[in-house]
C-alpha atoms as a PDB file:
ATOM      1  CA  MET A   1      35.043-101.872  -8.736  1.00  0.00           C
ATOM      2  CA  LEU A   2      33.558-101.064 -12.123  1.00  0.00           C
ATOM      3  CA  HIS A   3      31.634 -97.825 -12.346  1.00  0.00           C
ATOM      4  CA  GLY A   4      27.993 -97.943 -13.354  1.00  0.00           C
ATOM      5  CA  GLU A   5      28.463 -96.091 -16.618  1.00  0.00           C
ATOM      6  CA  ALA A   6      30.600 -98.950 -17.968  1.00  0.00           C
ATOM      7  CA  PHE A   7      28.368-101.912 -17.046  1.00  0.00           C
ATOM      8  CA  THR A   8      24.872-100.605 -16.364  1.00  0.00           C
ATOM      9  CA  THR A   9      22.058-102.611 -14.828  1.00  0.00           C
ATOM     10  CA  GLY A  10      20.215-103.217 -18.107  1.00  0.00           C
ATOM     11  CA  ARG A  11      23.298-104.605 -19.806  1.00  0.00           C
ATOM     12  CA  ILE A  12      24.027-106.840 -16.814  1.00  0.00           C
ATOM     13  CA  VAL A  13      20.490-108.257 -16.833  1.00  0.00           C
ATOM     14  CA  ARG A  14      20.676-109.024 -20.554  1.00  0.00           C
ATOM     15  CA  LEU A  15      24.152-110.537 -20.274  1.00  0.00           C
ATOM     16  CA  MET A  16      22.839-112.734 -17.469  1.00  0.00           C
ATOM     17  CA  ARG A  17      20.004-113.959 -19.683  1.00  0.00           C
ATOM     18  CA  LEU A  18      22.563-114.834 -22.346  1.00  0.00           C
ATOM     19  CA  GLY A  19      24.676-116.642 -19.788  1.00  0.00           C
ATOM     20  CA  ALA A  20      27.663-114.420 -20.579  1.00  0.00           C
ATOM     21  CA  ALA A  21      27.845-113.042 -17.048  1.00  0.00           C
ATOM     22  CA  ILE A  22      26.936-116.114 -14.995  1.00  0.00           C
ATOM     23  CA  GLN A  23      28.820-118.989 -16.599  1.00  0.00           C
ATOM     24  CA  PRO A  24      32.395-119.305 -17.772  1.00  0.00           C
ATOM     25  CA  ARG A  25      31.794-120.188 -21.414  1.00  0.00           C
ATOM     26  CA  MET A  26      29.070-119.608 -24.042  1.00  0.00           C
ATOM     27  CA  PHE A  27      27.654-121.697 -26.884  1.00  0.00           C
ATOM     28  CA  VAL A  28      25.979-119.524 -29.534  1.00  0.00           C
ATOM     29  CA  LEU A  29      24.070-120.936 -32.525  1.00  0.00           C
ATOM     30  CA  PRO A  30      24.002-118.492 -35.487  1.00  0.00           C
ATOM     31  CA  LEU A  31      20.954-118.935 -37.731  1.00  0.00           C
ATOM     32  CA  ASP A  32      21.459-115.766 -39.766  1.00  0.00           C
ATOM     33  CA  HIS A  33      22.892-117.476 -42.863  1.00  0.00           C
ATOM     34  CA  SER A  34      19.699-117.325 -44.924  1.00  0.00           C
ATOM     35  CA  VAL A  35      20.290-113.644 -45.721  1.00  0.00           C
ATOM     36  CA  SER A  36      23.706-114.274 -47.231  1.00  0.00           C
ATOM     37  CA  ASP A  37      23.231-117.777 -48.674  1.00  0.00           C
ATOM     38  CA  GLY A  38      19.501-118.449 -49.050  1.00  0.00           C
ATOM     39  CA  PRO A  39      17.194-120.744 -47.059  1.00  0.00           C
ATOM     40  CA  ILE A  40      18.883-122.921 -44.457  1.00  0.00           C
ATOM     41  CA  ALA A  41      15.710-124.824 -43.552  1.00  0.00           C
ATOM     42  CA  ARG A  42      11.942-124.802 -43.890  1.00  0.00           C
ATOM     43  CA  PRO A  43      10.124-122.533 -41.395  1.00  0.00           C
ATOM     44  CA  GLU A  44       8.975-125.476 -39.294  1.00  0.00           C
ATOM     45  CA  GLU A  45      12.537-126.813 -39.238  1.00  0.00           C
ATOM     46  CA  VAL A  46      13.821-123.488 -37.896  1.00  0.00           C
ATOM     47  CA  ASP A  47      11.264-123.772 -35.116  1.00  0.00           C
ATOM     48  CA  ASP A  48      12.552-127.282 -34.472  1.00  0.00           C
ATOM     49  CA  LEU A  49      16.103-125.886 -34.238  1.00  0.00           C
ATOM     50  CA  LEU A  50      14.930-123.420 -31.567  1.00  0.00           C
ATOM     51  CA  ALA A  51      13.232-126.211 -29.660  1.00  0.00           C
ATOM     52  CA  MET A  52      16.404-128.284 -29.977  1.00  0.00           C
ATOM     53  CA  SER A  53      18.449-125.362 -28.655  1.00  0.00           C
ATOM     54  CA  GLU A  54      16.349-125.267 -25.494  1.00  0.00           C
ATOM     55  CA  ARG A  55      17.097-128.937 -24.781  1.00  0.00           C
ATOM     56  CA  THR A  56      20.756-129.247 -25.727  1.00  0.00           C
ATOM     57  CA  GLY A  57      22.660-126.495 -23.907  1.00  0.00           C
ATOM     58  CA  VAL A  58      22.732-123.748 -26.540  1.00  0.00           C
ATOM     59  CA  ASP A  59      22.902-120.417 -24.702  1.00  0.00           C
ATOM     60  CA  ALA A  60      21.808-118.035 -27.458  1.00  0.00           C
ATOM     61  CA  VAL A  61      20.696-117.980 -31.088  1.00  0.00           C
ATOM     62  CA  VAL A  62      21.559-115.312 -33.683  1.00  0.00           C
ATOM     63  CA  VAL A  63      18.735-114.376 -36.070  1.00  0.00           C
ATOM     64  CA  HIS A  64      17.690-111.470 -38.266  1.00  0.00           C
ATOM     65  CA  LYS A  65      14.688-109.372 -37.226  1.00  0.00           C
ATOM     66  CA  GLY A  66      12.262-110.959 -39.703  1.00  0.00           C
ATOM     67  CA  ARG A  67      13.013-114.456 -38.512  1.00  0.00           C
ATOM     68  CA  ALA A  68      12.830-113.376 -34.864  1.00  0.00           C
ATOM     69  CA  ALA A  69       9.372-111.894 -35.440  1.00  0.00           C
ATOM     70  CA  ASN A  70       8.103-115.180 -36.923  1.00  0.00           C
ATOM     71  CA  ILE A  71       9.280-117.451 -34.122  1.00  0.00           C
ATOM     72  CA  ALA A  72       6.854-118.255 -31.323  1.00  0.00           C
ATOM     73  CA  PRO A  73       7.729-116.004 -28.348  1.00  0.00           C
ATOM     74  CA  ALA A  74       7.670-118.993 -25.984  1.00  0.00           C
ATOM     75  CA  ARG A  75      10.747-120.364 -27.773  1.00  0.00           C
ATOM     76  CA  TRP A  76      12.830-117.564 -26.261  1.00  0.00           C
ATOM     77  CA  GLN A  77      12.105-118.476 -22.657  1.00  0.00           C
ATOM     78  CA  ALA A  78      15.075-120.834 -22.383  1.00  0.00           C
ATOM     79  CA  VAL A  79      17.492-119.504 -25.000  1.00  0.00           C
ATOM     80  CA  GLY A  80      18.865-116.006 -25.555  1.00  0.00           C
ATOM     81  CA  MET A  81      17.930-113.936 -28.611  1.00  0.00           C
ATOM     82  CA  ILE A  82      20.678-112.054 -30.460  1.00  0.00           C
ATOM     83  CA  VAL A  83      19.358-109.959 -33.346  1.00  0.00           C
ATOM     84  CA  HIS A  84      21.861-109.520 -36.169  1.00  0.00           C
ATOM     85  CA  LEU A  85      21.940-106.026 -37.668  1.00  0.00           C
ATOM     86  CA  SER A  86      24.320-106.516 -40.630  1.00  0.00           C
ATOM     87  CA  ALA A  87      23.837-108.118 -44.014  1.00  0.00           C
ATOM     88  CA  SER A  88      25.201-108.800 -47.479  1.00  0.00           C
ATOM     89  CA  THR A  89      24.529-111.570 -49.980  1.00  0.00           C
ATOM     90  CA  SER A  90      26.871-114.097 -51.525  1.00  0.00           C
ATOM     91  CA  VAL A  91      25.855-112.920 -55.030  1.00  0.00           C
ATOM     92  CA  ALA A  92      26.619-109.231 -54.414  1.00  0.00           C
ATOM     93  CA  PRO A  93      29.439-107.546 -56.397  1.00  0.00           C
ATOM     94  CA  ASP A  94      31.296-107.417 -53.061  1.00  0.00           C
ATOM     95  CA  PRO A  95      29.949-109.896 -50.474  1.00  0.00           C
ATOM     96  CA  ASP A  96      32.373-108.457 -47.904  1.00  0.00           C
ATOM     97  CA  ALA A  97      30.609-105.072 -48.022  1.00  0.00           C
ATOM     98  CA  LYS A  98      28.330-105.420 -44.998  1.00  0.00           C
ATOM     99  CA  VAL A  99      25.568-102.861 -44.454  1.00  0.00           C
ATOM    100  CA  LEU A 100      23.145-102.220 -41.609  1.00  0.00           C
ATOM    101  CA  VAL A 101      19.660-103.608 -42.223  1.00  0.00           C
ATOM    102  CA  SER A 102      18.239-103.302 -38.720  1.00  0.00           C
ATOM    103  CA  SER A 103      18.652-101.242 -35.561  1.00  0.00           C
ATOM    104  CA  VAL A 104      19.002-101.550 -31.808  1.00  0.00           C
ATOM    105  CA  GLU A 105      15.468-100.178 -31.472  1.00  0.00           C
ATOM    106  CA  ASP A 106      14.163-102.973 -33.724  1.00  0.00           C
ATOM    107  CA  ALA A 107      15.904-105.500 -31.483  1.00  0.00           C
ATOM    108  CA  LEU A 108      14.422-103.947 -28.355  1.00  0.00           C
ATOM    109  CA  ARG A 109      10.908-104.177 -29.788  1.00  0.00           C
ATOM    110  CA  LEU A 110      11.496-107.875 -30.431  1.00  0.00           C
ATOM    111  CA  GLY A 111      12.674-108.501 -26.859  1.00  0.00           C
ATOM    112  CA  ALA A 112      16.287-109.244 -27.786  1.00  0.00           C
ATOM    113  CA  ASP A 113      18.923-109.960 -25.171  1.00  0.00           C
ATOM    114  CA  ALA A 114      21.726-108.608 -27.400  1.00  0.00           C
ATOM    115  CA  VAL A 115      22.512-107.441 -30.915  1.00  0.00           C
ATOM    116  CA  SER A 116      25.327-108.401 -33.241  1.00  0.00           C
ATOM    117  CA  ILE A 117      27.076-106.683 -36.116  1.00  0.00           C
ATOM    118  CA  HIS A 118      29.484-108.016 -38.749  1.00  0.00           C
ATOM    119  CA  THR A 119      32.567-106.008 -39.708  1.00  0.00           C
ATOM    120  CA  ASN A 120      35.065-107.153 -42.329  1.00  0.00           C
ATOM    121  CA  VAL A 121      38.402-105.594 -41.448  1.00  0.00           C
ATOM    122  CA  GLY A 122      40.289-104.913 -44.674  1.00  0.00           C
ATOM    123  CA  ALA A 123      37.212-104.803 -46.926  1.00  0.00           C
ATOM    124  CA  ALA A 124      36.958-102.150 -49.615  1.00  0.00           C
ATOM    125  CA  ASN A 125      34.258-100.312 -47.635  1.00  0.00           C
ATOM    126  CA  GLU A 126      35.891-100.856 -44.236  1.00  0.00           C
ATOM    127  CA  THR A 127      35.529 -97.141 -43.424  1.00  0.00           C
ATOM    128  CA  GLN A 128      31.742 -97.299 -43.694  1.00  0.00           C
ATOM    129  CA  GLN A 129      31.554-100.569 -41.770  1.00  0.00           C
ATOM    130  CA  LEU A 130      33.560 -99.061 -38.900  1.00  0.00           C
ATOM    131  CA  ARG A 131      31.378 -95.954 -38.958  1.00  0.00           C
ATOM    132  CA  ASP A 132      28.271 -98.156 -38.777  1.00  0.00           C
ATOM    133  CA  ALA A 133      29.776-100.172 -35.918  1.00  0.00           C
ATOM    134  CA  SER A 134      30.485 -97.023 -33.949  1.00  0.00           C
ATOM    135  CA  ALA A 135      26.917 -95.771 -34.418  1.00  0.00           C
ATOM    136  CA  VAL A 136      25.459 -99.106 -33.293  1.00  0.00           C
ATOM    137  CA  ILE A 137      27.680 -99.136 -30.209  1.00  0.00           C
ATOM    138  CA  GLU A 138      26.456 -95.664 -29.260  1.00  0.00           C
ATOM    139  CA  ASP A 139      22.858 -96.903 -29.536  1.00  0.00           C
ATOM    140  CA  CYS A 140      23.754 -99.973 -27.460  1.00  0.00           C
ATOM    141  CA  ARG A 141      25.024 -97.720 -24.692  1.00  0.00           C
ATOM    142  CA  ARG A 142      21.928 -95.539 -24.907  1.00  0.00           C
ATOM    143  CA  TYR A 143      19.565 -98.513 -24.568  1.00  0.00           C
ATOM    144  CA  GLU A 144      21.802-100.707 -22.347  1.00  0.00           C
ATOM    145  CA  MET A 145      21.950-103.433 -24.999  1.00  0.00           C
ATOM    146  CA  PRO A 146      24.932-105.835 -25.101  1.00  0.00           C
ATOM    147  CA  LEU A 147      26.808-106.070 -28.403  1.00  0.00           C
ATOM    148  CA  LEU A 148      28.469-109.070 -30.019  1.00  0.00           C
ATOM    149  CA  ALA A 149      30.882-107.821 -32.702  1.00  0.00           C
ATOM    150  CA  MET A 150      31.620-110.374 -35.425  1.00  0.00           C
ATOM    151  CA  MET A 151      35.012-109.313 -36.760  1.00  0.00           C
ATOM    152  CA  TYR A 152      36.671-110.989 -39.736  1.00  0.00           C
ATOM    153  CA  PRO A 153      39.916-110.098 -41.544  1.00  0.00           C
ATOM    154  CA  ARG A 154      38.895-110.037 -45.217  1.00  0.00           C
ATOM    155  CA  GLY A 155      40.123-108.014 -48.157  1.00  0.00           C
ATOM    156  CA  ASP A 156      42.842-107.578 -50.741  1.00  0.00           C
ATOM    157  CA  LYS A 157      45.535-107.058 -48.112  1.00  0.00           C
ATOM    158  CA  ILE A 158      44.538-110.101 -46.077  1.00  0.00           C
ATOM    159  CA  SER A 159      46.561-113.169 -47.018  1.00  0.00           C
ATOM    160  CA  SER A 160      44.789-115.470 -44.558  1.00  0.00           C
ATOM    161  CA  SER A 161      41.709-114.848 -42.441  1.00  0.00           C
ATOM    162  CA  SER A 162      43.111-117.179 -39.771  1.00  0.00           C
ATOM    163  CA  ASP A 163      46.447-115.382 -39.414  1.00  0.00           C
ATOM    164  CA  PRO A 164      46.897-114.840 -35.656  1.00  0.00           C
ATOM    165  CA  ASP A 165      48.068-111.241 -36.086  1.00  0.00           C
ATOM    166  CA  HIS A 166      45.028-110.361 -38.193  1.00  0.00           C
ATOM    167  CA  VAL A 167      42.668-112.151 -35.798  1.00  0.00           C
ATOM    168  CA  ALA A 168      44.214-110.393 -32.792  1.00  0.00           C
ATOM    169  CA  HIS A 169      43.840-107.060 -34.587  1.00  0.00           C
ATOM    170  CA  CYS A 170      40.135-107.778 -35.184  1.00  0.00           C
ATOM    171  CA  ALA A 171      39.540-108.766 -31.555  1.00  0.00           C
ATOM    172  CA  THR A 172      41.334-105.722 -30.183  1.00  0.00           C
ATOM    173  CA  LEU A 173      39.504-103.442 -32.611  1.00  0.00           C
ATOM    174  CA  ALA A 174      36.157-104.702 -31.320  1.00  0.00           C
ATOM    175  CA  ALA A 175      37.243-104.011 -27.749  1.00  0.00           C
ATOM    176  CA  GLU A 176      38.463-100.525 -28.609  1.00  0.00           C
ATOM    177  CA  LEU A 177      35.181 -99.697 -30.340  1.00  0.00           C
ATOM    178  CA  GLY A 178      33.274-100.704 -27.205  1.00  0.00           C
ATOM    179  CA  ALA A 179      31.838-104.172 -27.929  1.00  0.00           C
ATOM    180  CA  ASP A 180      30.945-106.468 -25.023  1.00  0.00           C
ATOM    181  CA  LEU A 181      31.824-109.714 -26.817  1.00  0.00           C
ATOM    182  CA  VAL A 182      33.710-110.449 -30.020  1.00  0.00           C
ATOM    183  CA  LYS A 183      33.485-113.347 -32.458  1.00  0.00           C
ATOM    184  CA  VAL A 184      36.568-114.051 -34.588  1.00  0.00           C
ATOM    185  CA  PRO A 185      37.859-116.869 -36.810  1.00  0.00           C
ATOM    186  CA  TYR A 186      39.895-119.702 -35.360  1.00  0.00           C
ATOM    187  CA  THR A 187      43.642-119.248 -35.789  1.00  0.00           C
ATOM    188  CA  GLY A 188      44.256-122.946 -36.378  1.00  0.00           C
ATOM    189  CA  SER A 189      45.767-124.042 -33.073  1.00  0.00           C
ATOM    190  CA  PRO A 190      44.954-123.708 -29.360  1.00  0.00           C
ATOM    191  CA  LEU A 191      48.339-122.056 -28.728  1.00  0.00           C
ATOM    192  CA  THR A 192      47.945-119.220 -31.235  1.00  0.00           C
ATOM    193  CA  MET A 193      44.270-118.815 -30.322  1.00  0.00           C
ATOM    194  CA  ARG A 194      45.200-118.491 -26.657  1.00  0.00           C
ATOM    195  CA  GLN A 195      47.657-115.742 -27.566  1.00  0.00           C
ATOM    196  CA  VAL A 196      44.797-113.851 -29.208  1.00  0.00           C
ATOM    197  CA  VAL A 197      42.593-114.418 -26.151  1.00  0.00           C
ATOM    198  CA  GLU A 198      45.313-113.123 -23.832  1.00  0.00           C
ATOM    199  CA  SER A 199      45.750-109.994 -25.959  1.00  0.00           C
ATOM    200  CA  CYS A 200      42.073-108.988 -25.832  1.00  0.00           C
ATOM    201  CA  PRO A 201      40.297-107.347 -22.858  1.00  0.00           C
ATOM    202  CA  ILE A 202      36.819-108.648 -23.776  1.00  0.00           C
ATOM    203  CA  PRO A 203      35.537-112.252 -24.035  1.00  0.00           C
ATOM    204  CA  ILE A 204      36.194-113.956 -27.375  1.00  0.00           C
ATOM    205  CA  LEU A 205      33.842-116.382 -29.105  1.00  0.00           C
ATOM    206  CA  VAL A 206      35.420-118.486 -31.832  1.00  0.00           C
ATOM    207  CA  ALA A 207      33.566-118.979 -35.116  1.00  0.00           C
ATOM    208  CA  GLY A 208      32.579-122.472 -36.221  1.00  0.00           C
ATOM    209  CA  GLY A 209      34.634-122.361 -39.394  1.00  0.00           C
ATOM    210  CA  PRO A 210      34.343-124.578 -42.492  1.00  0.00           C
ATOM    211  CA  ALA A 211      32.368-127.798 -42.638  1.00  0.00           C
ATOM    212  CA  VAL A 212      33.800-130.682 -40.627  1.00  0.00           C
ATOM    213  CA  PRO A 213      33.657-134.271 -41.929  1.00  0.00           C
ATOM    214  CA  SER A 214      32.245-135.903 -38.807  1.00  0.00           C
ATOM    215  CA  LEU A 215      30.845-135.411 -35.335  1.00  0.00           C
ATOM    216  CA  ASP A 216      34.170-136.583 -33.910  1.00  0.00           C
ATOM    217  CA  ALA A 217      35.920-133.777 -35.817  1.00  0.00           C
ATOM    218  CA  LEU A 218      33.411-131.256 -34.457  1.00  0.00           C
ATOM    219  CA  GLU A 219      34.071-132.466 -30.916  1.00  0.00           C
ATOM    220  CA  ARG A 220      37.833-132.140 -31.439  1.00  0.00           C
ATOM    221  CA  TYR A 221      37.279-128.593 -32.671  1.00  0.00           C
ATOM    222  CA  ALA A 222      35.263-127.716 -29.550  1.00  0.00           C
ATOM    223  CA  GLU A 223      37.966-129.249 -27.356  1.00  0.00           C
ATOM    224  CA  GLU A 224      40.606-127.061 -29.014  1.00  0.00           C
ATOM    225  CA  ILE A 225      38.522-123.964 -28.319  1.00  0.00           C
ATOM    226  CA  VAL A 226      38.257-124.946 -24.655  1.00  0.00           C
ATOM    227  CA  GLU A 227      42.027-125.505 -24.570  1.00  0.00           C
ATOM    228  CA  SER A 228      42.583-122.036 -26.039  1.00  0.00           C
ATOM    229  CA  GLU A 229      40.748-120.457 -23.053  1.00  0.00           C
ATOM    230  CA  ALA A 230      38.321-118.623 -25.334  1.00  0.00           C
ATOM    231  CA  ALA A 231      34.994-117.584 -23.825  1.00  0.00           C
ATOM    232  CA  GLY A 232      33.019-119.879 -26.107  1.00  0.00           C
ATOM    233  CA  VAL A 233      31.997-120.754 -29.642  1.00  0.00           C
ATOM    234  CA  ALA A 234      29.524-119.554 -32.264  1.00  0.00           C
ATOM    235  CA  ILE A 235      28.857-122.590 -34.460  1.00  0.00           C
ATOM    236  CA  GLY A 236      26.114-122.505 -37.095  1.00  0.00           C
ATOM    237  CA  ARG A 237      26.488-124.620 -40.238  1.00  0.00           C
ATOM    238  CA  ASN A 238      28.237-127.476 -38.457  1.00  0.00           C
ATOM    239  CA  ILE A 239      25.180-127.758 -36.215  1.00  0.00           C
ATOM    240  CA  PHE A 240      22.136-127.100 -38.402  1.00  0.00           C
ATOM    241  CA  ARG A 241      23.591-129.029 -41.375  1.00  0.00           C
ATOM    242  CA  ALA A 242      24.611-131.991 -39.243  1.00  0.00           C
ATOM    243  CA  HIS A 243      22.883-135.348 -39.796  1.00  0.00           C
ATOM    244  CA  ASP A 244      21.466-134.987 -36.273  1.00  0.00           C
ATOM    245  CA  PRO A 245      21.579-131.309 -35.209  1.00  0.00           C
ATOM    246  CA  GLY A 246      20.373-132.098 -31.698  1.00  0.00           C
ATOM    247  CA  LEU A 247      23.112-134.649 -31.113  1.00  0.00           C
ATOM    248  CA  ALA A 248      25.765-132.316 -32.569  1.00  0.00           C
ATOM    249  CA  ALA A 249      24.615-129.430 -30.344  1.00  0.00           C
ATOM    250  CA  ARG A 250      24.480-131.653 -27.269  1.00  0.00           C
ATOM    251  CA  ARG A 251      28.022-132.934 -27.851  1.00  0.00           C
ATOM    252  CA  VAL A 252      29.406-129.424 -28.371  1.00  0.00           C
ATOM    253  CA  ALA A 253      27.569-128.060 -25.331  1.00  0.00           C
ATOM    254  CA  ALA A 254      28.917-130.870 -23.148  1.00  0.00           C
ATOM    255  CA  ILE A 255      32.475-129.880 -24.076  1.00  0.00           C
ATOM    256  CA  ILE A 256      32.019-126.104 -23.989  1.00  0.00           C
ATOM    257  CA  HIS A 257      30.325-126.208 -20.580  1.00  0.00           C
ATOM    258  CA  SER A 258      32.456-129.041 -19.241  1.00  0.00           C
ATOM    259  CA  ARG A 259      35.085-127.367 -17.104  1.00  0.00           C
ATOM    260  CA  GLU A 260      35.965-124.000 -15.650  1.00  0.00           C
ATOM    261  CA  PRO A 261      38.367-121.954 -17.788  1.00  0.00           C
ATOM    262  CA  ARG A 262      40.746-119.343 -16.536  1.00  0.00           C
ATOM    263  CA  VAL A 263      38.396-116.466 -15.680  1.00  0.00           C
ATOM    264  CA  MET A 264      38.574-113.733 -18.276  1.00  0.00           C
ATOM    265  CA  GLN A 265      39.322-110.169 -17.211  1.00  0.00           C
ATOM    266  CA  THR A 266      36.093-108.712 -18.531  1.00  0.00           C
ATOM    267  CA  GLN A 267      34.037-111.504 -16.999  1.00  0.00           C
ATOM    268  CA  CYS A 268      35.666-110.674 -13.675  1.00  0.00           C
ATOM    269  CA  ARG A 269      34.645-107.050 -14.123  1.00  0.00           C
ATOM    270  CA  VAL A 270      31.084-108.024 -15.028  1.00  0.00           C
ATOM    271  CA  MET A 271      30.752-110.275 -12.003  1.00  0.00           C
ATOM    272  CA  GLY A 272      32.359-107.630  -9.784  1.00  0.00           C
ATOM    273  CA  HIS A 273      29.836-105.050 -10.881  1.00  0.00           C
ATOM    274  CA  MET A 274      26.964-107.478 -10.375  1.00  0.00           C
ATOM    275  CA  GLU A 275      28.188-108.108  -6.834  1.00  0.00           C
ATOM    276  CA  ALA A 276      28.412-104.355  -6.225  1.00  0.00           C
ATOM    277  CA  LEU A 277      24.855-103.902  -7.480  1.00  0.00           C
ATOM    278  CA  ALA A 278      23.661-106.680  -5.179  1.00  0.00           C
ATOM    279  CA  GLN A 279      25.484-105.149  -2.218  1.00  0.00           C
ATOM    280  CA  GLY A 280      23.975-101.765  -3.042  1.00  0.00           C
ATOM    281  CA  GLY A 281      20.514-103.324  -2.999  1.00  0.00           C
ATOM    282  CA  GLN A 282      21.205-104.937   0.366  1.00  0.00           C
ATOM    283  CA  VAL A 283      22.332-101.589   1.811  1.00  0.00           C
ATOM    284  CA  ALA A 284      19.208 -99.881   0.476  1.00  0.00           C
ATOM    285  CA  THR A 285      17.037-102.602   2.007  1.00  0.00           C
ATOM    286  CA  ARG A 286      18.708-102.196   5.390  1.00  0.00           C
ATOM    287  CA  ARG A 287      18.295 -98.411   5.202  1.00  0.00           C
ATOM    288  CA  ARG A 288      14.563 -98.774   4.482  1.00  0.00           C
ATOM    289  CA  ALA A 289      14.209-101.237   7.360  1.00  0.00           C
ATOM    290  CA  LEU A 290      15.821 -98.676   9.669  1.00  0.00           C
ATOM    291  CA  GLY A 291      13.566 -95.911   8.395  1.00  0.00           C
ATOM    292  CA  HIS A 292      16.313 -94.028   6.536  1.00  0.00           C
ATOM    293  CA  GLY A 293      14.648 -93.872   3.129  1.00  0.00           C
END
């Protein structure tokens, strides 16, 4: 049984709202690209994307704090909010040099269900990015906020960001730092991706990757992720830049939520702790009924 200090009640409640603790696989839609690349859609179109997410099986959406504050609160009733804390721009001298632009407290004020950070392993300022990640994780523990760590192998010593050894290193690093979930690049095949999944003690979400030529190609990609036994996907551009974003999201969701995967170790621990909390509540109720407190 997991002790309370590892998976506290607040984190469990927020993970449940995300779906990470009550279903086998997650579908996350990142909409944080406007900071790095410029506008992804008009404001009303972003609202439409949130409405689409509610209807199509998207579990959670990643946004920056400014965008989150300008979305109608009712939009978050059926989809989880993940506030992204890291940023850099594509025109910076070093786009891989991520910095913190928000905080866990900001996310709490917005009503977020989780926060995310981006760390480029191998970047020139990797030391500072790891230091920032550690500080955010400490705040997440203090406020019982789940953390999605987006970990990418990027830098002068990285020959390929999809190299299975590099991807496994990123996933394990996130777990060692104390993240609840980790997003990493796809390794290129279900076999090598499964090896990464099996090496990591926390659930892995696979990034959406480069643009795909068709909806059929996007479906094949989602099927490979399911075959790899990963805990889900985080697909942004291939959804919101699709000819029909709603159809693309619906097709991906149907595959991602289609069948039960092999239960991940951390998910087992989360569910085990939830069961223990429920049993504890039942005991307390019985004690009150008997007049023992």
